[in-house]
Protein backbone atom coordinates (compact mmCIF):
# COMPACT_ATOMS: atom_id res chain seq x y z
CA UNK A 1 122.99 122.72 46.66
CA UNK A 2 121.71 120.46 43.88
CA UNK A 3 123.85 122.10 41.19
CA UNK A 4 127.03 121.66 43.17
CA UNK A 5 126.25 118.15 44.34
CA UNK A 6 125.33 117.06 40.82
CA UNK A 7 129.08 117.03 40.22
CA UNK A 8 129.50 114.29 42.81
CA UNK A 9 129.96 110.77 41.51
CA UNK A 10 131.21 107.84 43.58
CA UNK A 11 134.87 107.05 43.03
CA UNK A 12 133.97 103.44 42.41
CA UNK A 13 131.84 104.45 39.42
CA UNK A 14 134.15 106.86 37.66
CA UNK A 15 137.55 105.28 38.32
CA UNK A 16 139.43 108.50 39.07
CA UNK A 17 143.18 108.36 38.60
CA UNK A 18 145.77 110.23 40.62
CA UNK A 19 146.66 113.63 39.24
CA UNK A 20 150.09 113.85 40.83
CA UNK A 21 152.14 111.13 42.45
CA UNK A 22 154.52 113.06 44.68
CA UNK A 23 153.18 116.05 46.55
CA UNK A 24 155.00 118.00 49.28
CA UNK A 25 154.01 117.06 52.81
CA UNK A 26 153.27 119.53 55.60
CA UNK A 27 156.37 119.83 57.72
CA UNK A 28 154.29 119.50 60.90
CA UNK A 29 152.76 116.06 60.28
CA UNK A 30 151.23 114.77 63.50
CA UNK A 31 152.13 111.56 65.30
CA UNK A 32 155.79 110.95 66.00
CA UNK A 33 156.06 107.19 66.52
CA UNK A 34 156.20 106.23 62.84
CA UNK A 35 153.15 103.95 63.09
CA UNK A 36 151.13 105.87 60.48
CA UNK A 37 152.30 106.89 57.00
CA UNK A 38 152.29 110.57 56.10
CA UNK A 39 150.21 109.68 53.03
CA UNK A 40 147.04 107.76 54.01
CA UNK A 41 147.11 106.07 50.59
CA UNK A 42 150.00 104.00 51.93
CA UNK A 43 148.06 102.77 54.96
CA UNK A 44 146.50 99.68 53.40
CA UNK A 45 147.79 96.32 52.29
CA UNK A 46 148.80 95.51 48.72
CA UNK A 47 148.32 99.11 47.61
CA UNK A 48 144.56 99.04 48.13
CA UNK A 49 144.30 102.82 48.60
CA UNK A 50 146.86 103.96 46.05
CA UNK A 51 144.22 104.69 43.39
CA UNK A 52 142.55 107.41 45.46
CA UNK A 53 142.87 110.74 43.62
CA UNK A 54 145.42 113.34 44.58
CA UNK A 55 146.04 116.85 43.33
CA UNK A 56 148.84 119.40 43.18
CA UNK A 57 149.51 121.86 45.98
CA UNK A 58 151.99 124.68 46.36
CA UNK A 59 155.54 123.38 46.71
CA UNK A 60 156.60 126.70 48.20
CA UNK A 61 153.82 126.78 50.82
CA UNK A 62 152.91 123.16 51.63
CA UNK A 63 151.42 124.19 54.98
CA UNK A 64 149.26 126.97 53.54
CA UNK A 65 146.18 124.80 53.07
CA UNK A 66 143.47 123.01 55.01
CA UNK A 67 144.44 119.57 56.31
CA UNK A 68 141.85 117.06 57.44
CA UNK A 69 143.17 115.86 60.77
CA UNK A 70 142.09 112.77 62.72
CA UNK A 71 142.60 112.25 66.47
CA UNK A 72 144.17 109.06 67.81
CA UNK A 73 142.56 108.43 71.19
CA UNK A 74 142.08 105.56 73.62
CA UNK A 75 138.69 104.01 72.87
CA UNK A 76 138.31 100.28 72.40
CA UNK A 77 135.23 98.07 72.30
CA UNK A 78 135.73 94.79 74.11
CA UNK A 79 137.40 92.18 71.96
CA UNK A 80 137.62 94.47 68.95
CA UNK A 81 140.83 95.39 67.16
CA UNK A 82 141.42 97.15 63.87
CA UNK A 83 144.83 96.89 62.28
CA UNK A 84 146.34 96.70 65.75
CA UNK A 85 144.63 99.96 66.71
CA UNK A 86 141.48 101.21 68.41
CA UNK A 87 138.12 102.62 67.46
CA UNK A 88 139.74 105.88 66.31
CA UNK A 89 140.76 104.04 63.10
CA UNK A 90 137.14 103.49 62.00
CA UNK A 91 136.59 104.38 58.31
CA UNK A 92 140.29 105.23 57.88
CA UNK A 93 141.68 106.20 55.44
CA UNK A 94 138.74 106.08 52.98
CA UNK A 95 136.63 108.68 54.80
CA UNK A 96 139.53 111.12 55.17
CA UNK A 97 140.63 110.75 51.54
CA UNK A 98 137.13 111.00 50.06
CA UNK A 99 136.14 113.96 52.20
CA UNK A 100 139.36 115.85 51.49
CA UNK A 101 138.84 115.31 47.76
CA UNK A 102 135.23 116.51 47.84
CA UNK A 103 136.22 119.54 49.91
CA UNK A 104 138.87 120.40 47.33
CA UNK A 105 136.47 119.72 44.45
CA UNK A 106 133.39 121.59 45.68
CA UNK A 107 134.77 124.59 47.54
CA UNK A 108 137.38 127.30 47.15
CA UNK A 109 139.51 125.86 49.96
CA UNK A 110 143.02 124.70 49.15
CA UNK A 111 143.06 121.24 50.72
CA UNK A 112 145.91 118.88 51.50
CA UNK A 113 145.57 115.60 49.60
CA UNK A 114 147.27 113.74 52.44
CA UNK A 115 145.66 114.62 55.75
CA UNK A 116 147.14 113.98 59.18
CA UNK A 117 146.74 111.93 62.34
CA UNK A 118 147.53 113.40 65.76
CA UNK A 119 147.72 112.17 69.32
CA UNK A 120 146.25 114.10 72.22
CA UNK A 121 149.43 116.11 72.38
CA UNK A 122 149.58 119.92 72.41
CA UNK A 123 152.56 120.18 70.05
CA UNK A 124 150.89 117.94 67.48
CA UNK A 125 147.38 119.39 67.76
CA UNK A 126 148.29 123.07 67.63
CA UNK A 127 149.05 122.97 63.90
CA UNK A 128 145.47 122.02 62.97
CA UNK A 129 142.39 124.26 63.51
CA UNK A 130 140.03 121.32 62.91
CA UNK A 131 140.33 117.80 64.33
CA UNK A 132 138.02 114.85 63.65
CA UNK A 133 137.31 112.47 66.53
CA UNK A 134 135.47 109.24 65.67
CA UNK A 135 133.87 106.49 67.78
CA UNK A 136 134.48 107.90 71.28
CA UNK A 137 131.78 105.73 72.86
CA UNK A 138 134.30 103.78 74.94
CA UNK A 139 136.89 106.51 75.42
CA UNK A 140 139.10 106.88 78.46
CA UNK A 141 141.10 110.04 79.11
CA UNK A 142 143.82 110.92 81.55
CA UNK A 143 143.52 114.25 83.33
CA UNK A 144 146.46 115.50 81.28
CA UNK A 145 144.75 114.53 78.02
CA UNK A 146 141.54 116.23 79.12
CA UNK A 147 143.47 119.43 79.86
CA UNK A 148 145.26 119.23 76.49
CA UNK A 149 141.94 118.95 74.66
CA UNK A 150 140.40 121.78 76.70
CA UNK A 151 143.36 124.08 76.08
CA UNK A 152 143.31 123.29 72.36
CA UNK A 153 139.65 124.26 72.00
CA UNK A 154 139.75 127.30 74.27
CA UNK A 155 142.72 128.61 72.28
CA UNK A 156 140.79 128.50 69.00
CA UNK A 157 140.73 124.84 67.96
CA UNK A 158 137.61 122.92 66.88
CA UNK A 159 136.81 119.22 67.39
CA UNK A 160 134.13 117.30 65.49
CA UNK A 161 132.96 114.15 67.30
CA UNK A 162 131.23 111.53 65.15
CA UNK A 163 129.86 107.97 64.96
CA UNK A 164 128.76 106.71 68.34
CA UNK A 165 125.35 105.29 69.12
CA UNK A 166 122.99 104.71 72.02
CA UNK A 167 122.72 105.74 75.63
CA UNK A 168 125.58 103.69 77.07
CA UNK A 169 128.08 105.17 74.64
CA UNK A 170 126.68 108.66 75.27
CA UNK A 171 127.02 108.28 79.04
CA UNK A 172 130.61 107.10 78.73
CA UNK A 173 131.52 109.94 76.38
CA UNK A 174 129.72 112.42 78.62
CA UNK A 175 131.93 111.35 81.53
CA UNK A 176 135.00 112.09 79.42
CA UNK A 177 133.44 115.37 78.30
CA UNK A 178 133.06 116.44 81.93
CA UNK A 179 136.75 115.76 82.43
CA UNK A 180 137.47 118.13 79.55
CA UNK A 181 134.87 120.77 80.49
CA UNK A 182 133.76 120.39 84.12
CA UNK A 183 131.96 123.74 83.98
CA UNK A 184 130.29 123.46 80.55
CA UNK A 185 127.30 121.46 79.34
CA UNK A 186 126.65 120.29 75.78
CA UNK A 187 123.71 122.06 74.16
CA UNK A 188 121.44 120.60 71.49
CA UNK A 189 121.74 122.68 68.32
CA UNK A 190 118.47 123.76 66.71
CA UNK A 191 118.08 123.30 62.98
CA UNK A 192 118.11 127.09 62.68
CA UNK A 193 121.72 127.29 63.87
CA UNK A 194 124.07 128.60 61.20
CA UNK A 195 126.19 125.45 61.20
CA UNK A 196 123.39 123.72 59.29
CA UNK A 197 123.32 126.48 56.67
CA UNK A 198 126.91 127.70 56.23
CA UNK A 199 127.30 126.49 52.63
CA UNK A 200 124.49 124.00 52.05
CA UNK A 201 121.10 124.75 53.65
CA UNK A 202 119.82 121.59 55.33
CA UNK A 203 116.12 121.11 56.04
CA UNK A 204 116.63 118.34 58.58
CA UNK A 205 119.16 117.26 61.15
CA UNK A 206 120.10 114.05 59.37
CA UNK A 207 120.64 110.58 60.70
CA UNK A 208 123.32 108.93 58.59
CA UNK A 209 123.66 105.18 59.23
CA UNK A 210 126.42 102.85 58.19
CA UNK A 211 125.94 101.53 54.67
CA UNK A 212 125.03 98.05 55.94
CA UNK A 213 122.48 99.39 58.41
CA UNK A 214 121.00 101.62 55.71
CA UNK A 215 120.60 98.75 53.27
CA UNK A 216 119.09 96.49 55.94
CA UNK A 217 116.58 99.15 56.99
CA UNK A 218 115.82 100.51 53.53
CA UNK A 219 112.48 98.76 53.01
CA UNK A 220 111.16 100.07 56.34
CA UNK A 221 112.79 103.49 56.19
CA UNK A 222 114.90 102.72 59.27
CA UNK A 223 118.09 104.74 59.64
CA UNK A 224 119.00 104.08 63.28
CA UNK A 225 121.54 101.40 64.15
CA UNK A 226 120.04 100.37 67.49
CA UNK A 227 116.77 100.77 69.40
CA UNK A 228 118.13 103.33 71.86
CA UNK A 229 119.53 105.49 69.04
CA UNK A 230 116.45 106.44 67.05
CA UNK A 231 116.98 110.19 67.31
CA UNK A 232 120.09 111.89 65.91
CA UNK A 233 121.61 114.56 68.14
CA UNK A 234 123.89 117.41 67.22
CA UNK A 235 125.15 118.91 70.44
CA UNK A 236 127.76 121.60 70.95
CA UNK A 237 130.12 122.97 73.54
CA UNK A 238 130.42 126.76 73.38
CA UNK A 239 133.19 129.02 74.63
CA UNK A 240 132.58 132.28 76.48
CA UNK A 241 132.07 134.12 73.18
CA UNK A 242 129.37 131.66 72.07
CA UNK A 243 131.66 130.06 69.50
CA UNK A 244 131.22 126.32 69.05
CA UNK A 245 134.45 124.60 70.02
CA UNK A 246 133.13 121.05 69.75
CA UNK A 247 130.24 119.60 67.74
CA UNK A 248 129.07 116.19 68.90
CA UNK A 249 127.30 114.12 66.24
CA UNK A 250 125.56 111.34 68.20
CA UNK A 251 123.37 108.55 66.77
CA UNK A 252 124.67 109.31 63.30
CA UNK A 253 127.74 108.50 61.20
CA UNK A 254 128.94 111.13 58.74
CA UNK A 255 132.21 109.24 58.35
CA UNK A 256 130.49 106.26 56.75
CA UNK A 257 128.75 108.61 54.33
CA UNK A 258 132.22 109.71 53.23
CA UNK A 259 133.93 106.32 53.36
CA UNK A 260 131.24 104.30 51.57
CA UNK A 261 130.24 106.77 48.86
CA UNK A 262 131.13 104.28 46.12
CA UNK A 263 129.66 101.15 47.74
CA UNK A 264 126.03 101.48 46.70
CA UNK A 265 124.43 104.07 44.35
CA UNK A 266 121.29 104.38 46.46
CA UNK A 267 123.29 104.94 49.65
CA UNK A 268 125.37 107.55 47.86
CA UNK A 269 122.30 109.48 46.68
CA UNK A 270 120.35 109.25 49.92
CA UNK A 271 123.09 109.75 52.49
CA UNK A 272 126.48 110.77 51.06
CA UNK A 273 125.19 113.32 48.56
CA UNK A 274 122.23 114.69 50.50
CA UNK A 275 123.69 114.86 53.98
CA UNK A 276 127.17 113.56 54.82
CA UNK A 277 129.12 115.80 52.45
CA UNK A 278 126.95 118.95 52.80
CA UNK A 279 126.95 118.81 56.60
CA UNK A 280 130.65 117.96 56.76
CA UNK A 281 131.46 120.93 54.54
CA UNK A 282 129.20 123.17 56.64
CA UNK A 283 131.03 122.12 59.80
CA UNK A 284 134.45 122.77 58.27
CA UNK A 285 133.46 126.24 57.09
CA UNK A 286 131.98 127.09 60.46
CA UNK A 287 135.18 125.96 62.19
CA UNK A 288 137.39 128.00 59.86
CA UNK A 289 135.30 131.20 59.99
CA UNK A 290 134.63 131.40 63.73
């Protein structure tokens, strides 16, 4: 692991430039309402994301690659708005762009430099074997949405849930989870499970805080963001063949480890390099090989 991760340097420190300006887009890009650009680099104001690196892909087979896909869902903390959207926009697009680049850089996968965003819609979701779902601690689902998510996973799809903290958020998410899988219970994954060792062997189940929480707790070695979230949990829903269809990363925040890799060198070394990228890559490879 150390040899591969030695190649990692925060974007903010090395000033990477784009390798190719105009790349072909997958023809099945997700949401249909025009509210999100097909290239996440165009999501910010005043071109703030345009300097994120890109790379060439096959013009003949623009869909023949892995695309990091984010789920747009209905979860909204009281009085909180981001860019006119909900909690699903947390860490966007920095986390998606950074993680896609590292996945392309460190593995043999051919990765889309653009990514995708999808609604809970079967026609949108079916094109993507892996979907990232962030901040579901205040989620509400309709019965139709719950069925769509269940059908997606039971037909081979994989959902990674990330970045929600504490017992109240867990209980609310658990209620939504029981809508999706009334007859299945989430199971805590032991460190020995292969998902923690697919590419990078991890010796702990890490707790990855936001960069601000990490810096505030650094002197005391505190990595939890609230008193009722001291223990990180990695739970899973399994199908009938014992394949994980959903991994639930609770009391931890891999997305911030991706988004904030260039914010602080210590945070990068201790959380992005050691845990957020290795575990994220492990999860992707598990999803694509099972």
